[in-house]
C-alpha atoms as a PDB file:
ATOM      1  CA  MET A   1      92.912 185.612 121.064  1.00  0.00           C
ATOM      2  CA  SER A   2      92.009 189.250 120.742  1.00  0.00           C
ATOM      3  CA  LEU A   3      89.681 191.267 122.926  1.00  0.00           C
ATOM      4  CA  LYS A   4      86.385 192.795 121.825  1.00  0.00           C
ATOM      5  CA  LEU A   5      85.025 196.007 123.280  1.00  0.00           C
ATOM      6  CA  ILE A   6      81.830 195.713 125.300  1.00  0.00           C
ATOM      7  CA  SER A   7      81.649 199.214 126.798  1.00  0.00           C
ATOM      8  CA  GLY A   8      83.681 202.170 127.975  1.00  0.00           C
ATOM      9  CA  MET A   9      82.999 204.662 130.750  1.00  0.00           C
ATOM     10  CA  MET A  10      84.606 207.174 133.049  1.00  0.00           C
ATOM     11  CA  LYS A  11      85.008 206.135 136.675  1.00  0.00           C
ATOM     12  CA  SER A  12      82.817 208.121 139.051  1.00  0.00           C
ATOM     13  CA  SER A  13      85.942 209.787 140.463  1.00  0.00           C
ATOM     14  CA  GLY A  14      86.607 211.258 137.010  1.00  0.00           C
ATOM     15  CA  GLU A  15      90.280 210.326 137.316  1.00  0.00           C
ATOM     16  CA  ASP A  16      90.390 207.183 135.193  1.00  0.00           C
ATOM     17  CA  ALA A  17      88.357 205.493 132.500  1.00  0.00           C
ATOM     18  CA  LEU A  18      87.364 201.845 132.234  1.00  0.00           C
ATOM     19  CA  LEU A  19      86.862 199.600 129.261  1.00  0.00           C
ATOM     20  CA  VAL A  20      85.055 196.315 129.630  1.00  0.00           C
ATOM     21  CA  MET A  21      86.239 193.917 126.953  1.00  0.00           C
ATOM     22  CA  ASP A  22      85.250 190.379 126.073  1.00  0.00           C
ATOM     23  CA  ALA A  23      88.063 187.829 126.299  1.00  0.00           C
ATOM     24  CA  GLY A  24      86.371 184.750 124.919  1.00  0.00           C
ATOM     25  CA  GLY A  25      83.406 184.706 127.271  1.00  0.00           C
ATOM     26  CA  THR A  26      85.010 186.410 130.267  1.00  0.00           C
ATOM     27  CA  ASN A  27      85.263 190.108 130.990  1.00  0.00           C
ATOM     28  CA  GLN A  28      88.663 191.789 130.838  1.00  0.00           C
ATOM     29  CA  MET A  29      88.856 195.119 132.646  1.00  0.00           C
ATOM     30  CA  VAL A  30      91.057 197.852 131.195  1.00  0.00           C
ATOM     31  CA  VAL A  31      91.970 200.963 133.202  1.00  0.00           C
ATOM     32  CA  ILE A  32      93.003 204.075 131.277  1.00  0.00           C
ATOM     33  CA  ASP A  33      94.804 206.542 133.496  1.00  0.00           C
ATOM     34  CA  ARG A  34      94.126 210.265 133.589  1.00  0.00           C
ATOM     35  CA  GLN A  35      97.419 211.211 131.941  1.00  0.00           C
ATOM     36  CA  ALA A  36      96.699 209.002 128.918  1.00  0.00           C
ATOM     37  CA  LEU A  37      93.325 210.697 128.470  1.00  0.00           C
ATOM     38  CA  LEU A  38      94.920 214.137 128.799  1.00  0.00           C
ATOM     39  CA  GLU A  39      97.645 213.392 126.263  1.00  0.00           C
ATOM     40  CA  VAL A  40      95.607 211.680 123.566  1.00  0.00           C
ATOM     41  CA  GLY A  41      94.214 214.928 122.151  1.00  0.00           C
ATOM     42  CA  ALA A  42      94.218 218.692 122.259  1.00  0.00           C
ATOM     43  CA  PRO A  43      93.175 220.576 124.196  1.00  0.00           C
ATOM     44  CA  PRO A  44      93.924 218.232 127.111  1.00  0.00           C
ATOM     45  CA  ARG A  45      90.727 216.811 128.629  1.00  0.00           C
ATOM     46  CA  CYS A  46      89.904 213.933 130.913  1.00  0.00           C
ATOM     47  CA  ASP A  47      86.214 213.335 130.283  1.00  0.00           C
ATOM     48  CA  GLU A  48      83.705 210.976 128.705  1.00  0.00           C
ATOM     49  CA  SER A  49      83.821 212.675 125.313  1.00  0.00           C
ATOM     50  CA  ARG A  50      87.623 212.355 125.098  1.00  0.00           C
ATOM     51  CA  LEU A  51      87.308 208.668 125.969  1.00  0.00           C
ATOM     52  CA  GLN A  52      84.634 208.065 123.323  1.00  0.00           C
ATOM     53  CA  GLU A  53      86.587 209.995 120.662  1.00  0.00           C
ATOM     54  CA  ASN A  54      89.553 207.673 121.200  1.00  0.00           C
ATOM     55  CA  ILE A  55      87.899 204.421 122.263  1.00  0.00           C
ATOM     56  CA  ASP A  56      89.174 202.574 119.171  1.00  0.00           C
ATOM     57  CA  LEU A  57      92.763 203.609 119.936  1.00  0.00           C
ATOM     58  CA  PHE A  58      92.481 202.539 123.567  1.00  0.00           C
ATOM     59  CA  SER A  59      90.873 199.238 122.506  1.00  0.00           C
ATOM     60  CA  ARG A  60      93.755 198.518 120.093  1.00  0.00           C
ATOM     61  CA  ILE A  61      96.321 199.277 122.809  1.00  0.00           C
ATOM     62  CA  ALA A  62      94.462 197.009 125.244  1.00  0.00           C
ATOM     63  CA  CYS A  63      94.362 194.185 122.670  1.00  0.00           C
ATOM     64  CA  ALA A  64      98.091 194.486 122.003  1.00  0.00           C
ATOM     65  CA  LYS A  65      98.895 194.436 125.719  1.00  0.00           C
ATOM     66  CA  TYR A  66      96.592 191.461 126.284  1.00  0.00           C
ATOM     67  CA  ASP A  67      98.075 189.517 123.354  1.00  0.00           C
ATOM     68  CA  ARG A  68     101.601 189.921 124.736  1.00  0.00           C
ATOM     69  CA  GLY A  69     100.523 189.063 128.296  1.00  0.00           C
ATOM     70  CA  ASP A  70     100.990 192.566 129.691  1.00  0.00           C
ATOM     71  CA  VAL A  71      98.383 192.161 132.430  1.00  0.00           C
ATOM     72  CA  GLU A  72      98.718 193.463 136.011  1.00  0.00           C
ATOM     73  CA  ARG A  73      98.712 191.153 139.035  1.00  0.00           C
ATOM     74  CA  ASP A  74      95.119 192.135 139.748  1.00  0.00           C
ATOM     75  CA  GLY A  75      94.130 190.860 136.280  1.00  0.00           C
ATOM     76  CA  ARG A  76      93.541 194.285 134.780  1.00  0.00           C
ATOM     77  CA  ILE A  77      95.231 195.867 131.825  1.00  0.00           C
ATOM     78  CA  ARG A  78      96.419 199.401 132.524  1.00  0.00           C
ATOM     79  CA  ILE A  79      96.949 201.993 129.811  1.00  0.00           C
ATOM     80  CA  HIS A  80      99.337 204.826 130.629  1.00  0.00           C
ATOM     81  CA  ALA A  81     100.409 207.851 128.571  1.00  0.00           C
ATOM     82  CA  ALA A  82     103.634 205.996 127.654  1.00  0.00           C
ATOM     83  CA  ASP A  83     101.504 203.358 125.889  1.00  0.00           C
ATOM     84  CA  LEU A  84     100.168 205.909 123.400  1.00  0.00           C
ATOM     85  CA  GLY A  85     103.410 205.962 121.427  1.00  0.00           C
ATOM     86  CA  ALA A  86     104.090 202.245 121.648  1.00  0.00           C
END
C-alpha cells in the first residue's frame, strides 16, 4: 500500500520538516532532516518554500521507504540527504 500526502510543514525549530501521510486510515509521520532540505536545491535553504517546492519528491521517497519497510523504531520514516540519490 502506498502513502498519500495529507500535509507538510516545517517544525517550529526550523531544523527539520514533517510530512503527514495517510497510510490506509492511519497517519504516517515523515521527518525530513535539515541536510536533505539544504541539498535538494540551489541555493541551499532550509525553509517552508524549499519544502513546498520539493514536496512531491519527498513524498515519493517516503512512499518508497514505507513500501520496503524502512521505518524507524519510533514508527516514523526519516529522509536524509543520502536518500535523495536513491
